[in-house]
C-alpha atoms as a PDB file:
ATOM      1  CA  UNK A   1      98.690-208.587-120.621  1.00  0.00           C
ATOM      2  CA  UNK A   2     101.580-206.204-121.057  1.00  0.00           C
ATOM      3  CA  UNK A   3     101.658-202.658-119.767  1.00  0.00           C
ATOM      4  CA  UNK A   4     100.892-200.097-122.458  1.00  0.00           C
ATOM      5  CA  UNK A   5     103.692-197.972-123.854  1.00  0.00           C
ATOM      6  CA  UNK A   6     103.980-194.667-122.051  1.00  0.00           C
ATOM      7  CA  UNK A   7     102.957-191.729-124.171  1.00  0.00           C
ATOM      8  CA  UNK A   8     105.245-188.772-124.612  1.00  0.00           C
ATOM      9  CA  UNK A   9     104.835-186.088-121.959  1.00  0.00           C
ATOM     10  CA  UNK A  10     103.686-182.720-123.246  1.00  0.00           C
ATOM     11  CA  UNK A  11     103.034-179.377-121.667  1.00  0.00           C
ATOM     12  CA  UNK A  12      99.281-179.058-121.245  1.00  0.00           C
ATOM     13  CA  UNK A  13      99.023-175.449-120.147  1.00  0.00           C
ATOM     14  CA  UNK A  14      95.970-174.873-122.312  1.00  0.00           C
ATOM     15  CA  UNK A  15      92.869-176.844-123.064  1.00  0.00           C
ATOM     16  CA  UNK A  16      93.728-176.734-126.788  1.00  0.00           C
ATOM     17  CA  UNK A  17      97.147-178.299-126.150  1.00  0.00           C
ATOM     18  CA  UNK A  18      95.594-180.992-123.967  1.00  0.00           C
ATOM     19  CA  UNK A  19      92.904-181.692-126.563  1.00  0.00           C
ATOM     20  CA  UNK A  20      95.542-182.066-129.280  1.00  0.00           C
ATOM     21  CA  UNK A  21      97.580-184.385-127.050  1.00  0.00           C
ATOM     22  CA  UNK A  22      94.588-186.612-126.277  1.00  0.00           C
ATOM     23  CA  UNK A  23      93.549-186.769-129.918  1.00  0.00           C
ATOM     24  CA  UNK A  24      97.109-187.726-130.915  1.00  0.00           C
ATOM     25  CA  UNK A  25      97.262-190.447-128.226  1.00  0.00           C
ATOM     26  CA  UNK A  26      93.883-191.871-129.279  1.00  0.00           C
ATOM     27  CA  UNK A  27      94.866-191.897-132.952  1.00  0.00           C
ATOM     28  CA  UNK A  28      98.149-193.630-132.087  1.00  0.00           C
ATOM     29  CA  UNK A  29      96.173-196.313-130.246  1.00  0.00           C
ATOM     30  CA  UNK A  30      93.815-196.748-133.196  1.00  0.00           C
ATOM     31  CA  UNK A  31      96.733-197.017-135.630  1.00  0.00           C
ATOM     32  CA  UNK A  32      98.680-199.490-133.457  1.00  0.00           C
ATOM     33  CA  UNK A  33      98.927-202.779-135.370  1.00  0.00           C
ATOM     34  CA  UNK A  34      99.280-204.857-132.191  1.00  0.00           C
ATOM     35  CA  UNK A  35      96.338-207.170-131.539  1.00  0.00           C
ATOM     36  CA  UNK A  36      93.777-205.964-129.031  1.00  0.00           C
ATOM     37  CA  UNK A  37      93.358-207.468-125.583  1.00  0.00           C
ATOM     38  CA  UNK A  38      90.215-209.592-125.160  1.00  0.00           C
ATOM     39  CA  UNK A  39      87.716-208.134-122.687  1.00  0.00           C
ATOM     40  CA  UNK A  40      87.859-211.195-120.444  1.00  0.00           C
ATOM     41  CA  UNK A  41      91.664-210.979-120.196  1.00  0.00           C
ATOM     42  CA  UNK A  42      91.492-207.293-119.278  1.00  0.00           C
ATOM     43  CA  UNK A  43      88.822-207.993-116.642  1.00  0.00           C
ATOM     44  CA  UNK A  44      90.985-210.699-115.026  1.00  0.00           C
ATOM     45  CA  UNK A  45      94.086-208.484-115.101  1.00  0.00           C
ATOM     46  CA  UNK A  46      92.373-205.527-113.432  1.00  0.00           C
ATOM     47  CA  UNK A  47      90.544-207.736-110.914  1.00  0.00           C
ATOM     48  CA  UNK A  48      93.955-209.003-109.778  1.00  0.00           C
ATOM     49  CA  UNK A  49      95.302-205.442-109.590  1.00  0.00           C
ATOM     50  CA  UNK A  50      92.282-204.360-107.492  1.00  0.00           C
ATOM     51  CA  UNK A  51      92.702-207.343-105.154  1.00  0.00           C
ATOM     52  CA  UNK A  52      96.404-206.551-104.688  1.00  0.00           C
ATOM     53  CA  UNK A  53      95.640-202.905-103.923  1.00  0.00           C
ATOM     54  CA  UNK A  54      92.863-203.757-101.475  1.00  0.00           C
ATOM     55  CA  UNK A  55      95.149-206.232 -99.751  1.00  0.00           C
ATOM     56  CA  UNK A  56      97.904-203.627 -99.433  1.00  0.00           C
ATOM     57  CA  UNK A  57      95.444-201.081 -98.067  1.00  0.00           C
ATOM     58  CA  UNK A  58      94.102-203.582 -95.543  1.00  0.00           C
ATOM     59  CA  UNK A  59      97.677-204.187 -94.378  1.00  0.00           C
ATOM     60  CA  UNK A  60      98.185-200.440 -93.928  1.00  0.00           C
ATOM     61  CA  UNK A  61     100.585-200.167 -96.846  1.00  0.00           C
ATOM     62  CA  UNK A  62     100.323-197.778 -99.749  1.00  0.00           C
END
């Protein structure tokens, strides 16, 4: 699984600006022609990430 593309940073000084930003990001994701990631693949990916983080925390690292 590849990391998602980073969305453009916007000033979110107001709730209206933030709402517009979120709506734009969601619509961009809906319109993205790339194939979706199967649920099982996402679960495995994030389980590995959690295990790595817990291991680092147990070792006293951040």
